[in-house]
Amino acid sequence: MTNRNTGKEVLILKRSLLAVCTAICLLTLPGCGQAADTTFATEENPASTASNVPAQRTVPRPDIVDKPILWNGTREQLIREYTQKHYGKEQLEIVPQAVVVHWTGASTWEGTYSWFYKEAMANGTLNVASQFLVDRDGTIYQLTPATAFCRHAIGYNWCSIGIENVGGADDTENLTEAQLQANIQLIRYLHQQYPTIQYVFGHYQQVAAHASGLYHEDVPGYHSVKADPGPQFMRGLRENLSGDGLAFYPE
């Protein structure tokens, strides 16, 4: 008899504890006691969890015409010599951290392409070149891989992608709307492909860009004064790309 009563008392105690716990849950936890949400994300009925995840914007690759300049052992040796002299190390490729925008000072893309094509300048040093060339109608030509080392901006060649725009003869600020739109698309695409890119500046802003900490030049007194691609063009780029997480400098 004693054992049977003890068993009943234990059962009553367990039920009482269960009731107390249930009451506490209902009073203190907002979602307790409610039916579980069994709604699944479908195209017709997206679940809240799915809608709270920000959509990743995919930037389409702009139309780019491959037009490689001459790339051979001679050019690579000249690159090694240039980078050793100016940066203290041999370097054939870059990790892009900036985009430097230029104008060519010429009237046709063919003329600039022909100038960039050869490996060496008249003095035997590495020839100038940029990774991209944009014609006046907005056609984008890719001259080298985006991460190939090119000589286009003193102090920044080691970490920057160069975009040349046909125009600017006699330092006349005459780049076209088609070129502006092509540059916007190209820079946006490059930023997606290379998230290490943080800065965009015109060649004429090279001194202001020292604030980025990227400038590196080991040859004393080696510099140039530039006007390209002009404040108006850079203002257009800044107004369209500043929301993309890229840093610009005052025009």
C-alpha atoms as a PDB file:
ATOM      1  CA  MET A   1       0.000   0.000   0.000  1.00  0.00           C
ATOM      2  CA  THR A   2       2.792   2.363   0.898  1.00  0.00           C
ATOM      3  CA  ASN A   3       4.648   1.775  -2.396  1.00  0.00           C
ATOM      4  CA  ARG A   4       1.449   2.260  -4.421  1.00  0.00           C
ATOM      5  CA  ASN A   5       0.722   5.625  -2.734  1.00  0.00           C
ATOM      6  CA  THR A   6       4.278   6.736  -3.273  1.00  0.00           C
ATOM      7  CA  GLY A   7       3.958   6.008  -6.978  1.00  0.00           C
ATOM      8  CA  LYS A   8       0.792   8.093  -7.226  1.00  0.00           C
ATOM      9  CA  GLU A   9       2.447  10.966  -5.390  1.00  0.00           C
ATOM     10  CA  VAL A  10       5.389  10.934  -7.810  1.00  0.00           C
ATOM     11  CA  LEU A  11       3.031  10.957 -10.799  1.00  0.00           C
ATOM     12  CA  ILE A  12       1.061  13.890  -9.375  1.00  0.00           C
ATOM     13  CA  LEU A  13       4.309  15.769  -8.692  1.00  0.00           C
ATOM     14  CA  LYS A  14       5.513  15.247 -12.280  1.00  0.00           C
ATOM     15  CA  ARG A  15       2.227  16.485 -13.698  1.00  0.00           C
ATOM     16  CA  SER A  16       2.352  19.549 -11.460  1.00  0.00           C
ATOM     17  CA  LEU A  17       5.877  20.386 -12.545  1.00  0.00           C
ATOM     18  CA  LEU A  18       4.884  19.988 -16.195  1.00  0.00           C
ATOM     19  CA  ALA A  19       1.962  22.374 -15.749  1.00  0.00           C
ATOM     20  CA  VAL A  20       4.165  24.959 -14.042  1.00  0.00           C
ATOM     21  CA  CYS A  21       6.775  24.779 -16.815  1.00  0.00           C
ATOM     22  CA  THR A  22       4.095  25.152 -19.485  1.00  0.00           C
ATOM     23  CA  ALA A  23       2.656  28.199 -17.763  1.00  0.00           C
ATOM     24  CA  ILE A  24       6.071  29.821 -17.445  1.00  0.00           C
ATOM     25  CA  CYS A  25       6.745  29.177 -21.125  1.00  0.00           C
ATOM     26  CA  LEU A  26       3.448  30.729 -22.207  1.00  0.00           C
ATOM     27  CA  LEU A  27       3.984  33.796 -20.046  1.00  0.00           C
ATOM     28  CA  THR A  28       7.617  34.547 -20.818  1.00  0.00           C
ATOM     29  CA  LEU A  29       8.414  33.244 -24.331  1.00  0.00           C
ATOM     30  CA  PRO A  30       6.497  34.958 -27.150  1.00  0.00           C
ATOM     31  CA  GLY A  31       6.672  32.074 -29.593  1.00  0.00           C
ATOM     32  CA  CYS A  32       6.136  29.266 -27.101  1.00  0.00           C
ATOM     33  CA  GLY A  33       3.034  27.180 -27.596  1.00  0.00           C
ATOM     34  CA  GLN A  34       2.468  28.431 -31.143  1.00  0.00           C
ATOM     35  CA  ALA A  35       2.402  26.066 -34.037  1.00  0.00           C
ATOM     36  CA  ALA A  36       5.717  25.712 -35.840  1.00  0.00           C
ATOM     37  CA  ASP A  37       6.013  27.650 -39.089  1.00  0.00           C
ATOM     38  CA  THR A  38       6.088  25.029 -41.781  1.00  0.00           C
ATOM     39  CA  THR A  39       5.941  27.445 -44.709  1.00  0.00           C
ATOM     40  CA  PHE A  40       8.647  26.709 -47.267  1.00  0.00           C
ATOM     41  CA  ALA A  41      10.118  29.151 -49.773  1.00  0.00           C
ATOM     42  CA  THR A  42       8.638  28.696 -53.212  1.00  0.00           C
ATOM     43  CA  GLU A  43       8.526  30.917 -56.253  1.00  0.00           C
ATOM     44  CA  GLU A  44       4.901  31.727 -55.453  1.00  0.00           C
ATOM     45  CA  ASN A  45       5.297  32.029 -51.690  1.00  0.00           C
ATOM     46  CA  PRO A  46       8.819  33.049 -50.624  1.00  0.00           C
ATOM     47  CA  ALA A  47       9.487  32.474 -46.950  1.00  0.00           C
ATOM     48  CA  SER A  48      10.579  35.377 -44.779  1.00  0.00           C
ATOM     49  CA  THR A  49      14.026  33.861 -44.300  1.00  0.00           C
ATOM     50  CA  ALA A  50      14.647  33.869 -48.026  1.00  0.00           C
ATOM     51  CA  SER A  51      13.404  37.419 -48.425  1.00  0.00           C
ATOM     52  CA  ASN A  52      15.735  38.698 -45.693  1.00  0.00           C
ATOM     53  CA  VAL A  53      18.848  37.599 -47.594  1.00  0.00           C
ATOM     54  CA  PRO A  54      20.094  40.495 -49.736  1.00  0.00           C
ATOM     55  CA  ALA A  55      20.282  39.620 -53.404  1.00  0.00           C
ATOM     56  CA  GLN A  56      23.786  39.545 -54.832  1.00  0.00           C
ATOM     57  CA  ARG A  57      23.964  41.793 -57.887  1.00  0.00           C
ATOM     58  CA  THR A  58      25.777  40.172 -60.756  1.00  0.00           C
ATOM     59  CA  VAL A  59      27.479  42.657 -63.026  1.00  0.00           C
ATOM     60  CA  PRO A  60      27.386  41.442 -66.632  1.00  0.00           C
ATOM     61  CA  ARG A  61      30.613  41.356 -68.573  1.00  0.00           C
ATOM     62  CA  PRO A  62      30.593  44.219 -71.062  1.00  0.00           C
ATOM     63  CA  ASP A  63      31.353  43.520 -74.693  1.00  0.00           C
ATOM     64  CA  ILE A  64      35.132  43.351 -74.888  1.00  0.00           C
ATOM     65  CA  VAL A  65      37.184  42.779 -78.032  1.00  0.00           C
ATOM     66  CA  ASP A  66      40.374  40.805 -77.439  1.00  0.00           C
ATOM     67  CA  LYS A  67      43.223  42.612 -79.188  1.00  0.00           C
ATOM     68  CA  PRO A  68      46.437  41.436 -77.530  1.00  0.00           C
ATOM     69  CA  ILE A  69      49.641  43.376 -77.931  1.00  0.00           C
ATOM     70  CA  LEU A  70      52.886  41.520 -78.518  1.00  0.00           C
ATOM     71  CA  TRP A  71      53.727  39.523 -75.403  1.00  0.00           C
ATOM     72  CA  ASN A  72      56.888  37.454 -75.471  1.00  0.00           C
ATOM     73  CA  GLY A  73      60.049  36.702 -73.575  1.00  0.00           C
ATOM     74  CA  THR A  74      61.557  40.066 -74.484  1.00  0.00           C
ATOM     75  CA  ARG A  75      58.645  41.988 -72.987  1.00  0.00           C
ATOM     76  CA  GLU A  76      58.731  39.855 -69.845  1.00  0.00           C
ATOM     77  CA  GLN A  77      62.440  40.478 -69.404  1.00  0.00           C
ATOM     78  CA  LEU A  78      61.890  44.216 -69.811  1.00  0.00           C
ATOM     79  CA  ILE A  79      59.099  44.058 -67.217  1.00  0.00           C
ATOM     80  CA  ARG A  80      61.437  42.308 -64.776  1.00  0.00           C
ATOM     81  CA  GLU A  81      64.092  44.966 -65.301  1.00  0.00           C
ATOM     82  CA  TYR A  82      61.573  47.804 -64.896  1.00  0.00           C
ATOM     83  CA  THR A  83      59.964  46.431 -61.742  1.00  0.00           C
ATOM     84  CA  GLN A  84      63.317  45.647 -60.157  1.00  0.00           C
ATOM     85  CA  LYS A  85      64.499  49.200 -60.789  1.00  0.00           C
ATOM     86  CA  HIS A  86      61.322  51.017 -59.772  1.00  0.00           C
ATOM     87  CA  TYR A  87      59.839  48.723 -57.103  1.00  0.00           C
ATOM     88  CA  GLY A  88      62.757  46.693 -55.839  1.00  0.00           C
ATOM     89  CA  LYS A  89      61.380  43.346 -56.990  1.00  0.00           C
ATOM     90  CA  GLU A  90      60.651  41.442 -60.171  1.00  0.00           C
ATOM     91  CA  GLN A  91      56.947  41.355 -60.957  1.00  0.00           C
ATOM     92  CA  LEU A  92      55.065  40.105 -64.014  1.00  0.00           C
ATOM     93  CA  GLU A  93      51.551  40.220 -62.556  1.00  0.00           C
ATOM     94  CA  ILE A  94      49.609  42.555 -60.285  1.00  0.00           C
ATOM     95  CA  VAL A  95      46.988  42.271 -57.588  1.00  0.00           C
ATOM     96  CA  PRO A  96      44.662  45.071 -58.769  1.00  0.00           C
ATOM     97  CA  GLN A  97      43.975  47.670 -56.093  1.00  0.00           C
ATOM     98  CA  ALA A  98      43.194  50.682 -58.274  1.00  0.00           C
ATOM     99  CA  VAL A  99      41.988  51.648 -61.723  1.00  0.00           C
ATOM    100  CA  VAL A 100      43.794  54.547 -63.402  1.00  0.00           C
ATOM    101  CA  VAL A 101      41.890  56.263 -66.215  1.00  0.00           C
ATOM    102  CA  HIS A 102      43.740  57.900 -69.134  1.00  0.00           C
ATOM    103  CA  TRP A 103      43.269  59.481 -72.506  1.00  0.00           C
ATOM    104  CA  THR A 104      45.595  58.589 -75.362  1.00  0.00           C
ATOM    105  CA  GLY A 105      46.226  62.027 -76.852  1.00  0.00           C
ATOM    106  CA  ALA A 106      45.573  60.428 -80.248  1.00  0.00           C
ATOM    107  CA  SER A 107      42.567  60.366 -82.548  1.00  0.00           C
ATOM    108  CA  THR A 108      42.316  56.656 -83.421  1.00  0.00           C
ATOM    109  CA  TRP A 109      42.503  53.441 -81.465  1.00  0.00           C
ATOM    110  CA  GLU A 110      44.643  51.911 -84.224  1.00  0.00           C
ATOM    111  CA  GLY A 111      47.376  54.483 -83.704  1.00  0.00           C
ATOM    112  CA  THR A 112      47.506  53.871 -79.956  1.00  0.00           C
ATOM    113  CA  TYR A 113      47.370  50.114 -80.400  1.00  0.00           C
ATOM    114  CA  SER A 114      50.274  50.251 -82.842  1.00  0.00           C
ATOM    115  CA  TRP A 115      52.293  52.319 -80.358  1.00  0.00           C
ATOM    116  CA  PHE A 116      51.588  49.945 -77.465  1.00  0.00           C
ATOM    117  CA  TYR A 117      52.192  46.808 -79.543  1.00  0.00           C
ATOM    118  CA  LYS A 118      55.978  46.775 -79.506  1.00  0.00           C
ATOM    119  CA  GLU A 119      57.868  45.615 -76.409  1.00  0.00           C
ATOM    120  CA  ALA A 120      60.442  48.402 -76.054  1.00  0.00           C
ATOM    121  CA  MET A 121      60.684  52.154 -76.312  1.00  0.00           C
ATOM    122  CA  ALA A 122      63.409  53.820 -78.384  1.00  0.00           C
ATOM    123  CA  ASN A 123      65.711  53.892 -75.354  1.00  0.00           C
ATOM    124  CA  GLY A 124      65.397  50.123 -74.905  1.00  0.00           C
ATOM    125  CA  THR A 125      63.251  50.212 -71.763  1.00  0.00           C
ATOM    126  CA  LEU A 126      59.815  48.655 -71.335  1.00  0.00           C
ATOM    127  CA  ASN A 127      57.218  50.208 -73.616  1.00  0.00           C
ATOM    128  CA  VAL A 128      54.135  51.912 -72.241  1.00  0.00           C
ATOM    129  CA  ALA A 129      50.772  50.110 -72.418  1.00  0.00           C
ATOM    130  CA  SER A 130      47.480  49.677 -70.617  1.00  0.00           C
ATOM    131  CA  GLN A 131      45.359  46.614 -70.073  1.00  0.00           C
ATOM    132  CA  PHE A 132      42.330  48.212 -71.782  1.00  0.00           C
ATOM    133  CA  LEU A 133      41.729  50.694 -74.607  1.00  0.00           C
ATOM    134  CA  VAL A 134      38.330  52.340 -75.252  1.00  0.00           C
ATOM    135  CA  ASP A 135      37.514  53.788 -78.658  1.00  0.00           C
ATOM    136  CA  ARG A 136      35.397  56.888 -79.132  1.00  0.00           C
ATOM    137  CA  ASP A 137      32.311  54.828 -79.958  1.00  0.00           C
ATOM    138  CA  GLY A 138      32.655  52.958 -76.660  1.00  0.00           C
ATOM    139  CA  THR A 139      34.248  49.799 -78.055  1.00  0.00           C
ATOM    140  CA  ILE A 140      36.435  48.200 -75.389  1.00  0.00           C
ATOM    141  CA  TYR A 141      39.641  46.491 -76.471  1.00  0.00           C
ATOM    142  CA  GLN A 142      41.553  44.272 -74.074  1.00  0.00           C
ATOM    143  CA  LEU A 143      45.270  44.419 -74.807  1.00  0.00           C
ATOM    144  CA  THR A 144      46.607  42.207 -71.998  1.00  0.00           C
ATOM    145  CA  PRO A 145      45.164  40.140 -69.167  1.00  0.00           C
ATOM    146  CA  ALA A 146      43.743  42.398 -66.463  1.00  0.00           C
ATOM    147  CA  THR A 147      46.399  41.231 -63.998  1.00  0.00           C
ATOM    148  CA  ALA A 148      49.352  41.583 -66.353  1.00  0.00           C
ATOM    149  CA  PHE A 149      51.898  44.248 -65.439  1.00  0.00           C
ATOM    150  CA  CYS A 150      51.646  47.282 -67.726  1.00  0.00           C
ATOM    151  CA  ARG A 151      53.568  50.551 -67.670  1.00  0.00           C
ATOM    152  CA  HIS A 152      50.953  53.320 -67.662  1.00  0.00           C
ATOM    153  CA  ALA A 153      51.147  55.328 -64.398  1.00  0.00           C
ATOM    154  CA  ILE A 154      54.362  56.124 -62.538  1.00  0.00           C
ATOM    155  CA  GLY A 155      54.269  54.778 -59.009  1.00  0.00           C
ATOM    156  CA  TYR A 156      51.067  52.779 -59.501  1.00  0.00           C
ATOM    157  CA  ASN A 157      51.920  50.262 -62.228  1.00  0.00           C
ATOM    158  CA  TRP A 158      52.579  47.584 -59.630  1.00  0.00           C
ATOM    159  CA  CYS A 159      48.963  47.572 -58.377  1.00  0.00           C
ATOM    160  CA  SER A 160      46.706  49.201 -60.966  1.00  0.00           C
ATOM    161  CA  ILE A 161      44.718  48.460 -64.093  1.00  0.00           C
ATOM    162  CA  GLY A 162      44.965  51.125 -66.778  1.00  0.00           C
ATOM    163  CA  ILE A 163      42.132  52.170 -69.085  1.00  0.00           C
ATOM    164  CA  GLU A 164      43.136  54.311 -72.069  1.00  0.00           C
ATOM    165  CA  ASN A 165      40.450  56.352 -73.865  1.00  0.00           C
ATOM    166  CA  VAL A 166      41.000  57.544 -77.424  1.00  0.00           C
ATOM    167  CA  GLY A 167      41.020  61.334 -77.494  1.00  0.00           C
ATOM    168  CA  GLY A 168      42.456  64.254 -75.581  1.00  0.00           C
ATOM    169  CA  ALA A 169      44.767  65.549 -78.314  1.00  0.00           C
ATOM    170  CA  ASP A 170      46.469  68.770 -77.171  1.00  0.00           C
ATOM    171  CA  ASP A 171      44.986  68.102 -73.709  1.00  0.00           C
ATOM    172  CA  THR A 172      41.503  68.907 -75.022  1.00  0.00           C
ATOM    173  CA  GLU A 173      38.840  67.410 -72.774  1.00  0.00           C
ATOM    174  CA  ASN A 174      36.773  65.773 -75.503  1.00  0.00           C
ATOM    175  CA  LEU A 175      36.040  62.194 -74.446  1.00  0.00           C
ATOM    176  CA  THR A 176      32.592  60.986 -75.457  1.00  0.00           C
ATOM    177  CA  GLU A 177      29.466  59.890 -73.624  1.00  0.00           C
ATOM    178  CA  ALA A 178      29.891  56.448 -75.183  1.00  0.00           C
ATOM    179  CA  GLN A 179      33.360  56.223 -73.640  1.00  0.00           C
ATOM    180  CA  LEU A 180      32.012  57.303 -70.267  1.00  0.00           C
ATOM    181  CA  GLN A 181      29.358  54.592 -70.299  1.00  0.00           C
ATOM    182  CA  ALA A 182      31.898  51.990 -71.431  1.00  0.00           C
ATOM    183  CA  ASN A 183      34.256  52.961 -68.610  1.00  0.00           C
ATOM    184  CA  ILE A 184      31.447  52.758 -66.060  1.00  0.00           C
ATOM    185  CA  GLN A 185      30.506  49.263 -67.194  1.00  0.00           C
ATOM    186  CA  LEU A 186      34.107  48.093 -67.387  1.00  0.00           C
ATOM    187  CA  ILE A 187      35.142  49.450 -63.980  1.00  0.00           C
ATOM    188  CA  ARG A 188      32.032  48.023 -62.344  1.00  0.00           C
ATOM    189  CA  TYR A 189      32.765  44.629 -63.891  1.00  0.00           C
ATOM    190  CA  LEU A 190      36.446  44.727 -62.897  1.00  0.00           C
ATOM    191  CA  HIS A 191      35.493  45.634 -59.333  1.00  0.00           C
ATOM    192  CA  GLN A 192      33.268  42.556 -59.197  1.00  0.00           C
ATOM    193  CA  GLN A 193      35.997  40.334 -60.627  1.00  0.00           C
ATOM    194  CA  TYR A 194      38.713  41.824 -58.393  1.00  0.00           C
ATOM    195  CA  PRO A 195      37.266  42.944 -55.028  1.00  0.00           C
ATOM    196  CA  THR A 196      40.775  44.101 -54.074  1.00  0.00           C
ATOM    197  CA  ILE A 197      40.160  47.203 -56.225  1.00  0.00           C
ATOM    198  CA  GLN A 198      39.391  50.116 -53.910  1.00  0.00           C
ATOM    199  CA  TYR A 199      40.364  53.279 -55.817  1.00  0.00           C
ATOM    200  CA  VAL A 200      39.571  54.912 -59.147  1.00  0.00           C
ATOM    201  CA  PHE A 201      41.437  58.035 -60.225  1.00  0.00           C
ATOM    202  CA  GLY A 202      42.475  59.906 -63.326  1.00  0.00           C
ATOM    203  CA  HIS A 203      46.096  60.104 -64.365  1.00  0.00           C
ATOM    204  CA  TYR A 204      46.074  63.824 -63.530  1.00  0.00           C
ATOM    205  CA  GLN A 205      45.048  62.901 -59.942  1.00  0.00           C
ATOM    206  CA  GLN A 206      48.196  60.851 -59.343  1.00  0.00           C
ATOM    207  CA  VAL A 207      49.492  63.170 -56.605  1.00  0.00           C
ATOM    208  CA  ALA A 208      46.158  63.264 -54.753  1.00  0.00           C
ATOM    209  CA  ALA A 209      46.138  59.459 -54.948  1.00  0.00           C
ATOM    210  CA  HIS A 210      49.257  59.335 -52.756  1.00  0.00           C
ATOM    211  CA  ALA A 211      46.712  59.412 -49.918  1.00  0.00           C
ATOM    212  CA  SER A 212      45.749  55.852 -50.850  1.00  0.00           C
ATOM    213  CA  GLY A 213      49.148  54.631 -49.686  1.00  0.00           C
ATOM    214  CA  LEU A 214      49.636  52.797 -52.990  1.00  0.00           C
ATOM    215  CA  TYR A 215      52.240  55.096 -54.534  1.00  0.00           C
ATOM    216  CA  HIS A 216      55.664  53.435 -54.741  1.00  0.00           C
ATOM    217  CA  GLU A 217      58.597  54.728 -56.771  1.00  0.00           C
ATOM    218  CA  ASP A 218      62.223  53.954 -55.998  1.00  0.00           C
ATOM    219  CA  VAL A 219      63.776  56.266 -58.605  1.00  0.00           C
ATOM    220  CA  PRO A 220      64.178  59.785 -57.137  1.00  0.00           C
ATOM    221  CA  GLY A 221      62.708  62.578 -59.220  1.00  0.00           C
ATOM    222  CA  TYR A 222      60.957  60.210 -61.607  1.00  0.00           C
ATOM    223  CA  HIS A 223      57.525  61.741 -62.225  1.00  0.00           C
ATOM    224  CA  SER A 224      55.399  63.411 -64.867  1.00  0.00           C
ATOM    225  CA  VAL A 225      52.614  66.000 -65.008  1.00  0.00           C
ATOM    226  CA  LYS A 226      49.396  64.818 -66.640  1.00  0.00           C
ATOM    227  CA  ALA A 227      46.004  66.266 -67.579  1.00  0.00           C
ATOM    228  CA  ASP A 228      44.151  63.117 -68.606  1.00  0.00           C
ATOM    229  CA  PRO A 229      41.318  62.246 -68.693  1.00  0.00           C
ATOM    230  CA  GLY A 230      40.087  65.600 -67.375  1.00  0.00           C
ATOM    231  CA  PRO A 231      37.817  66.615 -64.470  1.00  0.00           C
ATOM    232  CA  GLN A 232      34.577  66.323 -66.414  1.00  0.00           C
ATOM    233  CA  PHE A 233      35.159  62.677 -67.285  1.00  0.00           C
ATOM    234  CA  MET A 234      36.222  61.789 -63.748  1.00  0.00           C
ATOM    235  CA  ARG A 235      33.178  63.580 -62.335  1.00  0.00           C
ATOM    236  CA  GLY A 236      30.981  61.410 -64.524  1.00  0.00           C
ATOM    237  CA  LEU A 237      32.688  58.275 -63.268  1.00  0.00           C
ATOM    238  CA  ARG A 238      32.447  59.346 -59.634  1.00  0.00           C
ATOM    239  CA  GLU A 239      28.762  60.235 -59.862  1.00  0.00           C
ATOM    240  CA  ASN A 240      27.951  56.837 -61.347  1.00  0.00           C
ATOM    241  CA  LEU A 241      30.301  54.612 -59.344  1.00  0.00           C
ATOM    242  CA  SER A 242      30.660  56.168 -55.903  1.00  0.00           C
ATOM    243  CA  GLY A 243      27.839  53.941 -54.640  1.00  0.00           C
ATOM    244  CA  ASP A 244      29.827  50.841 -55.623  1.00  0.00           C
ATOM    245  CA  GLY A 245      32.233  51.040 -52.702  1.00  0.00           C
ATOM    246  CA  LEU A 246      35.003  52.712 -54.699  1.00  0.00           C
ATOM    247  CA  ALA A 247      37.020  55.702 -53.532  1.00  0.00           C
ATOM    248  CA  PHE A 248      37.497  58.758 -55.741  1.00  0.00           C
ATOM    249  CA  TYR A 249      39.398  62.023 -55.385  1.00  0.00           C
ATOM    250  CA  PRO A 250      38.081  65.588 -55.883  1.00  0.00           C
ATOM    251  CA  GLU A 251      38.048  66.640 -59.509  1.00  0.00           C
END
